[in-house]
Each structure stands twice: as C-alpha cells, then as structure tokens.
PDB file of N, CA and C in Angstrom:
ATOM      1  N   MET A   1      91.571 108.347  85.162  1.00  0.00           N
ATOM      2  CA  MET A   1      90.940 106.904  85.726  1.00  0.00           C
ATOM      3  C   MET A   1      90.776 106.658  86.905  1.00  0.00           C
ATOM      4  N   GLY A   2      89.744 106.354  87.531  1.00  0.00           N
ATOM      5  CA  GLY A   2      89.546 105.979  88.925  1.00  0.00           C
ATOM      6  C   GLY A   2      89.787 107.062  90.063  1.00  0.00           C
ATOM      7  N   VAL A   3      89.614 108.392  89.223  1.00  0.00           N
ATOM      8  CA  VAL A   3      89.806 109.586  90.339  1.00  0.00           C
ATOM      9  C   VAL A   3      88.228 109.653  91.145  1.00  0.00           C
ATOM     10  N   VAL A   4      88.299 109.966  92.456  1.00  0.00           N
ATOM     11  CA  VAL A   4      87.100 110.444  93.274  1.00  0.00           C
ATOM     12  C   VAL A   4      87.123 111.863  93.722  1.00  0.00           C
ATOM     13  N   ILE A   5      85.883 112.436  93.296  1.00  0.00           N
ATOM     14  CA  ILE A   5      85.948 113.865  93.659  1.00  0.00           C
ATOM     15  C   ILE A   5      84.515 113.989  94.343  1.00  0.00           C
ATOM     16  N   GLY A   6      84.748 114.312  95.779  1.00  0.00           N
ATOM     17  CA  GLY A   6      83.592 114.630  96.332  1.00  0.00           C
ATOM     18  C   GLY A   6      82.562 115.793  95.813  1.00  0.00           C
ATOM     19  N   GLU A   7      81.519 115.839  96.333  1.00  0.00           N
ATOM     20  CA  GLU A   7      80.467 117.049  95.648  1.00  0.00           C
ATOM     21  C   GLU A   7      80.712 118.231  96.040  1.00  0.00           C
ATOM     22  N   THR A   8      81.431 118.651  97.334  1.00  0.00           N
ATOM     23  CA  THR A   8      81.632 120.019  97.605  1.00  0.00           C
ATOM     24  C   THR A   8      83.236 120.427  97.348  1.00  0.00           C
ATOM     25  N   SER A   9      83.903 119.593  96.484  1.00  0.00           N
ATOM     26  CA  SER A   9      85.242 119.728  96.284  1.00  0.00           C
ATOM     27  C   SER A   9      85.317 121.176  95.521  1.00  0.00           C
ATOM     28  N   GLU A  10      86.316 121.903  95.707  1.00  0.00           N
ATOM     29  CA  GLU A  10      86.666 122.925  94.638  1.00  0.00           C
ATOM     30  C   GLU A  10      88.186 122.897  94.134  1.00  0.00           C
ATOM     31  N   VAL A  11      88.029 122.862  92.683  1.00  0.00           N
ATOM     32  CA  VAL A  11      89.359 122.617  92.038  1.00  0.00           C
ATOM     33  C   VAL A  11      89.733 123.764  91.246  1.00  0.00           C
ATOM     34  N   GLY A  12      90.847 124.259  91.370  1.00  0.00           N
ATOM     35  CA  GLY A  12      91.357 125.585  90.926  1.00  0.00           C
ATOM     36  C   GLY A  12      91.846 125.275  89.180  1.00  0.00           C
ATOM     37  N   ASP A  13      92.360 126.221  88.643  1.00  0.00           N
ATOM     38  CA  ASP A  13      92.701 126.141  87.332  1.00  0.00           C
ATOM     39  C   ASP A  13      94.048 125.535  87.201  1.00  0.00           C
ATOM     40  N   ASP A  14      94.305 124.695  86.239  1.00  0.00           N
ATOM     41  CA  ASP A  14      95.620 124.213  85.936  1.00  0.00           C
ATOM     42  C   ASP A  14      96.012 123.302  87.064  1.00  0.00           C
ATOM     43  N   VAL A  15      95.005 122.390  87.568  1.00  0.00           N
ATOM     44  CA  VAL A  15      95.298 121.392  88.458  1.00  0.00           C
ATOM     45  C   VAL A  15      95.436 120.135  87.757  1.00  0.00           C
ATOM     46  N   MET A  16      96.325 119.347  87.857  1.00  0.00           N
ATOM     47  CA  MET A  16      96.647 117.958  87.625  1.00  0.00           C
ATOM     48  C   MET A  16      96.610 116.889  88.555  1.00  0.00           C
ATOM     49  N   LEU A  17      95.634 116.060  88.293  1.00  0.00           N
ATOM     50  CA  LEU A  17      95.385 114.978  89.286  1.00  0.00           C
ATOM     51  C   LEU A  17      95.500 113.314  88.480  1.00  0.00           C
ATOM     52  N   TYR A  18      96.601 113.019  89.113  1.00  0.00           N
ATOM     53  CA  TYR A  18      96.971 111.606  88.252  1.00  0.00           C
ATOM     54  C   TYR A  18      96.087 110.490  88.908  1.00  0.00           C
ATOM     55  N   HIS A  19      96.141 109.281  88.268  1.00  0.00           N
ATOM     56  CA  HIS A  19      95.234 108.312  88.499  1.00  0.00           C
ATOM     57  C   HIS A  19      94.962 107.926  89.984  1.00  0.00           C
ATOM     58  N   GLY A  20      93.899 107.413  90.451  1.00  0.00           N
ATOM     59  CA  GLY A  20      93.732 106.941  91.764  1.00  0.00           C
ATOM     60  C   GLY A  20      93.687 108.120  92.796  1.00  0.00           C
ATOM     61  N   VAL A  21      93.531 109.268  92.515  1.00  0.00           N
ATOM     62  CA  VAL A  21      93.270 110.398  93.272  1.00  0.00           C
ATOM     63  C   VAL A  21      92.014 110.626  94.075  1.00  0.00           C
ATOM     64  N   THR A  22      91.944 110.708  95.581  1.00  0.00           N
ATOM     65  CA  THR A  22      90.672 110.790  96.087  1.00  0.00           C
ATOM     66  C   THR A  22      90.402 112.200  97.028  1.00  0.00           C
ATOM     67  N   LEU A  23      89.594 113.072  96.542  1.00  0.00           N
ATOM     68  CA  LEU A  23      89.137 114.149  97.179  1.00  0.00           C
ATOM     69  C   LEU A  23      88.045 113.871  97.889  1.00  0.00           C
ATOM     70  N   GLY A  24      88.241 113.394  99.149  1.00  0.00           N
ATOM     71  CA  GLY A  24      87.077 112.831  99.858  1.00  0.00           C
ATOM     72  C   GLY A  24      86.727 113.693 101.062  1.00  0.00           C
ATOM     73  N   GLY A  25      85.794 113.007 101.934  1.00  0.00           N
ATOM     74  CA  GLY A  25      85.215 113.774 102.908  1.00  0.00           C
ATOM     75  C   GLY A  25      85.398 112.811 104.231  1.00  0.00           C
ATOM     76  N   ARG A  26      85.284 113.324 105.443  1.00  0.00           N
ATOM     77  CA  ARG A  26      85.407 112.573 106.607  1.00  0.00           C
ATOM     78  C   ARG A  26      84.480 112.537 107.245  1.00  0.00           C
ATOM     79  N   THR A  27      83.304 113.258 106.959  1.00  0.00           N
ATOM     80  CA  THR A  27      81.996 113.197 107.887  1.00  0.00           C
ATOM     81  C   THR A  27      80.674 113.194 106.746  1.00  0.00           C
ATOM     82  N   ARG A  28      79.685 112.886 107.189  1.00  0.00           N
ATOM     83  CA  ARG A  28      78.596 112.939 106.541  1.00  0.00           C
ATOM     84  C   ARG A  28      77.700 114.070 106.859  1.00  0.00           C
ATOM     85  N   THR A  29      78.320 115.261 107.508  1.00  0.00           N
ATOM     86  CA  THR A  29      77.291 116.343 107.760  1.00  0.00           C
ATOM     87  C   THR A  29      77.162 117.235 106.493  1.00  0.00           C
ATOM     88  N   SER A  30      76.140 118.140 106.640  1.00  0.00           N
ATOM     89  CA  SER A  30      75.958 118.814 105.371  1.00  0.00           C
ATOM     90  C   SER A  30      76.975 120.020 105.593  1.00  0.00           C
ATOM     91  N   GLY A  31      77.223 120.802 104.329  1.00  0.00           N
ATOM     92  CA  GLY A  31      77.959 121.942 104.133  1.00  0.00           C
ATOM     93  C   GLY A  31      79.352 121.528 103.560  1.00  0.00           C
ATOM     94  N   LYS A  32      80.208 122.424 103.826  1.00  0.00           N
ATOM     95  CA  LYS A  32      81.549 122.018 102.955  1.00  0.00           C
ATOM     96  C   LYS A  32      82.214 120.911 103.807  1.00  0.00           C
ATOM     97  N   ARG A  33      82.828 119.927 103.038  1.00  0.00           N
ATOM     98  CA  ARG A  33      83.368 118.894 103.755  1.00  0.00           C
ATOM     99  C   ARG A  33      84.284 117.913 102.987  1.00  0.00           C
ATOM    100  N   HIS A  34      84.530 118.596 101.826  1.00  0.00           N
ATOM    101  CA  HIS A  34      85.615 118.085 100.891  1.00  0.00           C
ATOM    102  C   HIS A  34      86.742 119.060 100.643  1.00  0.00           C
ATOM    103  N   PRO A  35      87.635 118.763 100.037  1.00  0.00           N
ATOM    104  CA  PRO A  35      89.004 119.660  99.910  1.00  0.00           C
ATOM    105  C   PRO A  35      88.832 120.685  98.919  1.00  0.00           C
ATOM    106  N   THR A  36      89.638 121.850  98.897  1.00  0.00           N
ATOM    107  CA  THR A  36      89.972 122.868  97.975  1.00  0.00           C
ATOM    108  C   THR A  36      91.026 122.794  97.395  1.00  0.00           C
ATOM    109  N   LEU A  37      91.397 122.885  96.072  1.00  0.00           N
ATOM    110  CA  LEU A  37      92.611 122.763  95.594  1.00  0.00           C
ATOM    111  C   LEU A  37      92.846 123.972  94.845  1.00  0.00           C
ATOM    112  N   ALA A  38      93.836 125.070  95.133  1.00  0.00           N
ATOM    113  CA  ALA A  38      93.936 126.198  94.231  1.00  0.00           C
ATOM    114  C   ALA A  38      94.740 125.775  93.213  1.00  0.00           C
ATOM    115  N   ASP A  39      94.936 127.078  92.449  1.00  0.00           N
ATOM    116  CA  ASP A  39      95.463 126.965  91.261  1.00  0.00           C
ATOM    117  C   ASP A  39      96.725 126.298  91.028  1.00  0.00           C
ATOM    118  N   GLY A  40      96.984 125.577  90.218  1.00  0.00           N
ATOM    119  CA  GLY A  40      98.587 124.947  89.887  1.00  0.00           C
ATOM    120  C   GLY A  40      98.821 123.931  90.764  1.00  0.00           C
ATOM    121  N   VAL A  41      97.973 123.245  91.380  1.00  0.00           N
ATOM    122  CA  VAL A  41      98.143 122.184  92.329  1.00  0.00           C
ATOM    123  C   VAL A  41      98.513 120.905  91.357  1.00  0.00           C
ATOM    124  N   MET A  42      99.553 120.157  91.777  1.00  0.00           N
ATOM    125  CA  MET A  42      99.639 118.724  91.114  1.00  0.00           C
ATOM    126  C   MET A  42      99.376 117.681  92.317  1.00  0.00           C
ATOM    127  N   VAL A  43      98.612 116.503  92.071  1.00  0.00           N
ATOM    128  CA  VAL A  43      98.533 115.657  93.135  1.00  0.00           C
ATOM    129  C   VAL A  43      98.885 114.206  92.447  1.00  0.00           C
ATOM    130  N   GLY A  44      99.812 113.690  93.140  1.00  0.00           N
ATOM    131  CA  GLY A  44     100.276 112.485  92.527  1.00  0.00           C
ATOM    132  C   GLY A  44      99.490 111.151  92.581  1.00  0.00           C
ATOM    133  N   ALA A  45      99.766 110.079  91.822  1.00  0.00           N
ATOM    134  CA  ALA A  45      99.037 108.955  91.733  1.00  0.00           C
ATOM    135  C   ALA A  45      98.542 108.379  93.276  1.00  0.00           C
ATOM    136  N   GLY A  46      97.335 107.955  93.486  1.00  0.00           N
ATOM    137  CA  GLY A  46      96.969 107.446  94.682  1.00  0.00           C
ATOM    138  C   GLY A  46      96.819 108.051  95.817  1.00  0.00           C
ATOM    139  N   ALA A  47      96.995 109.397  95.977  1.00  0.00           N
ATOM    140  CA  ALA A  47      96.991 110.343  96.849  1.00  0.00           C
ATOM    141  C   ALA A  47      95.470 110.511  97.419  1.00  0.00           C
ATOM    142  N   LYS A  48      95.196 110.684  98.759  1.00  0.00           N
ATOM    143  CA  LYS A  48      94.074 110.841  99.344  1.00  0.00           C
ATOM    144  C   LYS A  48      94.240 112.491  99.983  1.00  0.00           C
ATOM    145  N   ILE A  49      93.284 113.291  99.746  1.00  0.00           N
ATOM    146  CA  ILE A  49      92.966 114.299 100.277  1.00  0.00           C
ATOM    147  C   ILE A  49      91.721 114.427 100.922  1.00  0.00           C
ATOM    148  N   LEU A  50      91.556 114.531 102.522  1.00  0.00           N
ATOM    149  CA  LEU A  50      90.448 114.170 103.066  1.00  0.00           C
ATOM    150  C   LEU A  50      90.010 115.305 104.121  1.00  0.00           C
ATOM    151  N   GLY A  51      88.760 115.579 103.783  1.00  0.00           N
ATOM    152  CA  GLY A  51      88.034 116.832 104.823  1.00  0.00           C
ATOM    153  C   GLY A  51      88.208 118.176 104.253  1.00  0.00           C
ATOM    154  N   PRO A  52      87.724 118.866 104.818  1.00  0.00           N
ATOM    155  CA  PRO A  52      87.408 120.597 104.293  1.00  0.00           C
ATOM    156  C   PRO A  52      89.019 121.238 104.336  1.00  0.00           C
ATOM    157  N   VAL A  53      89.782 120.471 103.653  1.00  0.00           N
ATOM    158  CA  VAL A  53      91.405 121.297 103.761  1.00  0.00           C
ATOM    159  C   VAL A  53      91.524 122.171 102.741  1.00  0.00           C
ATOM    160  N   THR A  54      92.705 123.029 102.496  1.00  0.00           N
ATOM    161  CA  THR A  54      92.997 123.967 101.512  1.00  0.00           C
ATOM    162  C   THR A  54      94.329 123.735 101.356  1.00  0.00           C
ATOM    163  N   ILE A  55      94.484 123.306  99.907  1.00  0.00           N
ATOM    164  CA  ILE A  55      95.824 123.239  99.413  1.00  0.00           C
ATOM    165  C   ILE A  55      96.123 124.380  98.597  1.00  0.00           C
ATOM    166  N   GLY A  56      97.343 125.036  98.990  1.00  0.00           N
ATOM    167  CA  GLY A  56      97.730 126.444  98.523  1.00  0.00           C
ATOM    168  C   GLY A  56      98.142 126.171  97.030  1.00  0.00           C
ATOM    169  N   ALA A  57      98.206 127.441  96.385  1.00  0.00           N
ATOM    170  CA  ALA A  57      98.580 127.473  94.888  1.00  0.00           C
ATOM    171  C   ALA A  57      99.766 127.003  94.588  1.00  0.00           C
ATOM    172  N   ARG A  58     100.172 126.097  93.570  1.00  0.00           N
ATOM    173  CA  ARG A  58     101.586 125.779  92.996  1.00  0.00           C
ATOM    174  C   ARG A  58     101.856 124.543  93.915  1.00  0.00           C
ATOM    175  N   SER A  59     101.297 124.009  94.919  1.00  0.00           N
ATOM    176  CA  SER A  59     101.793 123.114  95.697  1.00  0.00           C
ATOM    177  C   SER A  59     101.675 121.661  94.908  1.00  0.00           C
ATOM    178  N   VAL A  60     102.695 120.664  95.727  1.00  0.00           N
ATOM    179  CA  VAL A  60     102.772 119.471  95.067  1.00  0.00           C
ATOM    180  C   VAL A  60     102.166 118.289  96.121  1.00  0.00           C
ATOM    181  N   VAL A  61     101.502 117.410  95.706  1.00  0.00           N
ATOM    182  CA  VAL A  61     101.270 116.151  96.600  1.00  0.00           C
ATOM    183  C   VAL A  61     101.783 114.877  96.077  1.00  0.00           C
ATOM    184  N   GLY A  62     102.417 114.080  96.927  1.00  0.00           N
ATOM    185  CA  GLY A  62     103.000 113.175  96.522  1.00  0.00           C
ATOM    186  C   GLY A  62     102.311 111.857  96.399  1.00  0.00           C
ATOM    187  N   ALA A  63     102.779 110.943  95.818  1.00  0.00           N
ATOM    188  CA  ALA A  63     101.997 109.727  95.194  1.00  0.00           C
ATOM    189  C   ALA A  63     101.800 108.910  96.567  1.00  0.00           C
ATOM    190  N   ASN A  64     100.520 108.559  97.076  1.00  0.00           N
ATOM    191  CA  ASN A  64     100.114 107.889  97.843  1.00  0.00           C
ATOM    192  C   ASN A  64     100.212 108.550  99.212  1.00  0.00           C
ATOM    193  N   ALA A  65     100.234 110.066  99.084  1.00  0.00           N
ATOM    194  CA  ALA A  65     100.084 110.908 100.378  1.00  0.00           C
ATOM    195  C   ALA A  65      98.943 110.819 101.140  1.00  0.00           C
ATOM    196  N   VAL A  66      98.483 110.940 102.138  1.00  0.00           N
ATOM    197  CA  VAL A  66      97.336 111.126 102.764  1.00  0.00           C
ATOM    198  C   VAL A  66      97.248 112.662 103.501  1.00  0.00           C
ATOM    199  N   VAL A  67      96.537 113.591 102.990  1.00  0.00           N
ATOM    200  CA  VAL A  67      96.396 114.924 103.489  1.00  0.00           C
ATOM    201  C   VAL A  67      95.265 114.835 104.399  1.00  0.00           C
ATOM    202  N   THR A  68      95.431 115.421 105.493  1.00  0.00           N
ATOM    203  CA  THR A  68      94.073 115.897 106.442  1.00  0.00           C
ATOM    204  C   THR A  68      94.402 117.245 106.962  1.00  0.00           C
ATOM    205  N   ARG A  69      95.295 117.978 106.619  1.00  0.00           N
ATOM    206  CA  ARG A  69      95.456 119.386 106.964  1.00  0.00           C
ATOM    207  C   ARG A  69      95.986 120.049 106.139  1.00  0.00           C
ATOM    208  N   ASP A  70      95.646 121.560 106.016  1.00  0.00           N
ATOM    209  CA  ASP A  70      95.505 122.566 105.241  1.00  0.00           C
ATOM    210  C   ASP A  70      97.328 122.687 104.917  1.00  0.00           C
ATOM    211  N   ALA A  71      97.326 123.237 103.773  1.00  0.00           N
ATOM    212  CA  ALA A  71      98.943 123.243 103.474  1.00  0.00           C
ATOM    213  C   ALA A  71      99.044 124.539 102.721  1.00  0.00           C
ATOM    214  N   PRO A  72     100.120 125.272 103.059  1.00  0.00           N
ATOM    215  CA  PRO A  72     100.412 126.566 102.404  1.00  0.00           C
ATOM    216  C   PRO A  72     100.793 126.836 101.077  1.00  0.00           C
ATOM    217  N   GLU A  73     100.768 127.782 100.396  1.00  0.00           N
ATOM    218  CA  GLU A  73     101.197 127.856  98.936  1.00  0.00           C
ATOM    219  C   GLU A  73     102.767 127.546  98.720  1.00  0.00           C
ATOM    220  N   ASP A  74     102.939 126.924  97.708  1.00  0.00           N
ATOM    221  CA  ASP A  74     104.430 126.507  97.082  1.00  0.00           C
ATOM    222  C   ASP A  74     104.960 125.566  98.173  1.00  0.00           C
ATOM    223  N   SER A  75     104.374 124.583  98.563  1.00  0.00           N
ATOM    224  CA  SER A  75     104.692 123.273  99.638  1.00  0.00           C
ATOM    225  C   SER A  75     104.537 122.178  98.850  1.00  0.00           C
ATOM    226  N   VAL A  76     105.226 121.235  99.330  1.00  0.00           N
ATOM    227  CA  VAL A  76     105.451 119.774  98.802  1.00  0.00           C
ATOM    228  C   VAL A  76     104.943 118.950 100.035  1.00  0.00           C
ATOM    229  N   LEU A  77     103.834 117.908  99.693  1.00  0.00           N
ATOM    230  CA  LEU A  77     103.275 117.145 100.792  1.00  0.00           C
ATOM    231  C   LEU A  77     103.690 116.009 100.657  1.00  0.00           C
ATOM    232  N   VAL A  78     104.225 115.171 101.353  1.00  0.00           N
ATOM    233  CA  VAL A  78     104.660 113.679 101.392  1.00  0.00           C
ATOM    234  C   VAL A  78     104.490 112.865 102.701  1.00  0.00           C
ATOM    235  N   GLY A  79     104.087 111.770 102.428  1.00  0.00           N
ATOM    236  CA  GLY A  79     103.987 111.022 103.592  1.00  0.00           C
ATOM    237  C   GLY A  79     102.453 110.718 104.270  1.00  0.00           C
ATOM    238  N   VAL A  80     102.500 109.846 105.195  1.00  0.00           N
ATOM    239  CA  VAL A  80     101.027 109.259 105.839  1.00  0.00           C
ATOM    240  C   VAL A  80     101.216 109.482 107.412  1.00  0.00           C
ATOM    241  N   PRO A  81     100.655 110.656 107.860  1.00  0.00           N
ATOM    242  CA  PRO A  81      99.797 111.559 107.151  1.00  0.00           C
ATOM    243  C   PRO A  81     100.940 112.598 106.611  1.00  0.00           C
ATOM    244  N   ALA A  82     100.535 113.290 105.592  1.00  0.00           N
ATOM    245  CA  ALA A  82     101.467 114.289 104.768  1.00  0.00           C
ATOM    246  C   ALA A  82     101.860 115.132 105.803  1.00  0.00           C
ATOM    247  N   LYS A  83     103.104 115.681 105.301  1.00  0.00           N
ATOM    248  CA  LYS A  83     103.667 116.855 106.156  1.00  0.00           C
ATOM    249  C   LYS A  83     104.083 117.851 105.214  1.00  0.00           C
ATOM    250  N   PRO A  84     103.837 119.200 105.276  1.00  0.00           N
ATOM    251  CA  PRO A  84     104.168 120.117 104.105  1.00  0.00           C
ATOM    252  C   PRO A  84     105.427 120.505 104.148  1.00  0.00           C
ATOM    253  N   ARG A  85     106.224 120.878 103.307  1.00  0.00           N
ATOM    254  CA  ARG A  85     107.720 121.296 103.125  1.00  0.00           C
ATOM    255  C   ARG A  85     107.639 122.335 102.370  1.00  0.00           C
ATOM    256  N   HIS A  86     108.265 123.524 102.612  1.00  0.00           N
ATOM    257  CA  HIS A  86     108.192 124.681 101.852  1.00  0.00           C
ATOM    258  C   HIS A  86     109.121 124.343 100.767  1.00  0.00           C
ATOM    259  N   ARG A  87     108.693 124.866  99.469  1.00  0.00           N
ATOM    260  CA  ARG A  87     109.256 124.776  98.131  1.00  0.00           C
ATOM    261  C   ARG A  87     109.745 126.296  97.444  1.00  0.00           C
ATOM    262  N   THR A  88     110.688 126.316  96.957  1.00  0.00           N
ATOM    263  CA  THR A  88     111.094 127.653  96.383  1.00  0.00           C
ATOM    264  C   THR A  88     111.132 127.531  94.898  1.00  0.00           C
ATOM    265  N   VAL A  89     111.070 128.646  94.092  1.00  0.00           N
ATOM    266  CA  VAL A  89     110.746 128.749  92.954  1.00  0.00           C
ATOM    267  C   VAL A  89     112.100 127.802  92.250  1.00  0.00           C
ATOM    268  N   GLY A  90     112.128 127.088  91.167  1.00  0.00           N
ATOM    269  CA  GLY A  90     112.975 126.515  90.646  1.00  0.00           C
ATOM    270  C   GLY A  90     113.697 125.323  91.398  1.00  0.00           C
ATOM    271  N   ASP A  91     112.962 124.994  92.443  1.00  0.00           N
ATOM    272  CA  ASP A  91     113.384 123.399  92.992  1.00  0.00           C
ATOM    273  C   ASP A  91     113.001 122.513  92.167  1.00  0.00           C
ATOM    274  N   ASP A  92     113.980 121.482  92.049  1.00  0.00           N
ATOM    275  CA  ASP A  92     113.439 120.289  91.398  1.00  0.00           C
ATOM    276  C   ASP A  92     112.720 119.494  92.310  1.00  0.00           C
ATOM    277  N   THR A  93     111.188 119.355  92.145  1.00  0.00           N
ATOM    278  CA  THR A  93     110.372 118.674  93.223  1.00  0.00           C
ATOM    279  C   THR A  93     110.342 116.938  93.152  1.00  0.00           C
ATOM    280  N   ARG A  94     111.128 116.713  92.049  1.00  0.00           N
ATOM    281  CA  ARG A  94     111.465 115.176  92.053  1.00  0.00           C
ATOM    282  C   ARG A  94     112.223 114.621  93.051  1.00  0.00           C
ATOM    283  N   ALA A  95     113.394 115.472  93.469  1.00  0.00           N
ATOM    284  CA  ALA A  95     114.216 114.962  94.819  1.00  0.00           C
ATOM    285  C   ALA A  95     113.748 115.056  95.840  1.00  0.00           C
ATOM    286  N   LEU A  96     112.386 115.797  96.203  1.00  0.00           N
ATOM    287  CA  LEU A  96     111.903 115.887  97.359  1.00  0.00           C
ATOM    288  C   LEU A  96     110.716 114.901  97.540  1.00  0.00           C
ATOM    289  N   LEU A  97     110.182 114.465  96.358  1.00  0.00           N
ATOM    290  CA  LEU A  97     109.248 113.354  96.472  1.00  0.00           C
ATOM    291  C   LEU A  97     109.873 112.108  96.814  1.00  0.00           C
ATOM    292  N   THR A  98     111.288 111.768  96.545  1.00  0.00           N
ATOM    293  CA  THR A  98     111.806 110.534  96.201  1.00  0.00           C
ATOM    294  C   THR A  98     112.585 110.459  97.486  1.00  0.00           C
ATOM    295  N   ALA A  99     113.003 111.452  98.331  1.00  0.00           N
ATOM    296  CA  ALA A  99     113.896 111.443  99.463  1.00  0.00           C
ATOM    297  C   ALA A  99     113.211 110.982 100.842  1.00  0.00           C
ATOM    298  N   PRO A 100     113.835 110.215 101.275  1.00  0.00           N
ATOM    299  CA  PRO A 100     113.088 109.900 102.648  1.00  0.00           C
ATOM    300  C   PRO A 100     113.454 111.104 103.688  1.00  0.00           C
ATOM    301  N   ASP A 101     112.686 111.181 104.742  1.00  0.00           N
ATOM    302  CA  ASP A 101     112.571 112.473 105.615  1.00  0.00           C
ATOM    303  C   ASP A 101     114.148 112.649 106.350  1.00  0.00           C
ATOM    304  N   TYR A 102     114.798 111.405 106.557  1.00  0.00           N
ATOM    305  CA  TYR A 102     115.991 111.636 107.091  1.00  0.00           C
ATOM    306  C   TYR A 102     117.294 111.918 106.226  1.00  0.00           C
ATOM    307  N   TYR A 103     117.035 112.159 104.856  1.00  0.00           N
ATOM    308  CA  TYR A 103     117.918 112.017 103.830  1.00  0.00           C
ATOM    309  C   TYR A 103     118.001 113.791 103.658  1.00  0.00           C
ATOM    310  N   ALA A 104     119.422 114.343 103.664  1.00  0.00           N
ATOM    311  CA  ALA A 104     119.555 115.676 103.577  1.00  0.00           C
ATOM    312  C   ALA A 104     119.584 116.068 102.319  1.00  0.00           C
ATOM    313  N   ILE A 105     118.766 117.068 102.007  1.00  0.00           N
ATOM    314  CA  ILE A 105     118.550 117.512 100.930  1.00  0.00           C
ATOM    315  C   ILE A 105     118.973 118.938 100.666  1.00  0.00           C
TER     316      ILE A 105
END
C-alpha cells in the first residue's frame, strides 16, 4: 500500500518492499533515472531510494532511510542520508537497524 516505483526502476527476485517505500528519480531527463534493486533486497517502511543507484544483493534498507548512493552486496543502509554498513552472513540485522551510530555493536 502506498509504494511508489518509478518507470525505469529495476527490481530483482525475492525483493521485499514494505509500505510507503519510494523508488524515485532526482531528475526529469530521459534515460535511466530510477534505482535498481538486486536479488534478495529488503526495504523498510517509508524508505526512499532516489536516483539511478544500485542496491547490492541481500542488502537491507532501514525504515525511513534516504538512499542516494550505490550500496555493495550484503550491506545494511540506515540514516538520512543512508550510510552502508557491511553485514556478514548470520548477523541479526534487527540489532543493526535499531542501534544508533555511536552504539557499539
């Protein structure tokens, strides 16, 4: 409900978009101007991914994050603007999404 997906967006397999997500553009020029989400990406409620950025496979975008830069595979993106953190296999991403930047994980 309430998801906005721009016309040049590319969404991979097994991608989960929660409510209020925006895959939007930053310009009105022709060509690729919307995000690309690789396989297995999860995007939290209210997150905004803007411009022709690529979110790597198996990455997690936190709720209400604003992403304007590319992110590598297996990363967690949180904040405004979102900054990627590397995620190792088996990490509990819930702790990374709720902990403030100054908190030691």
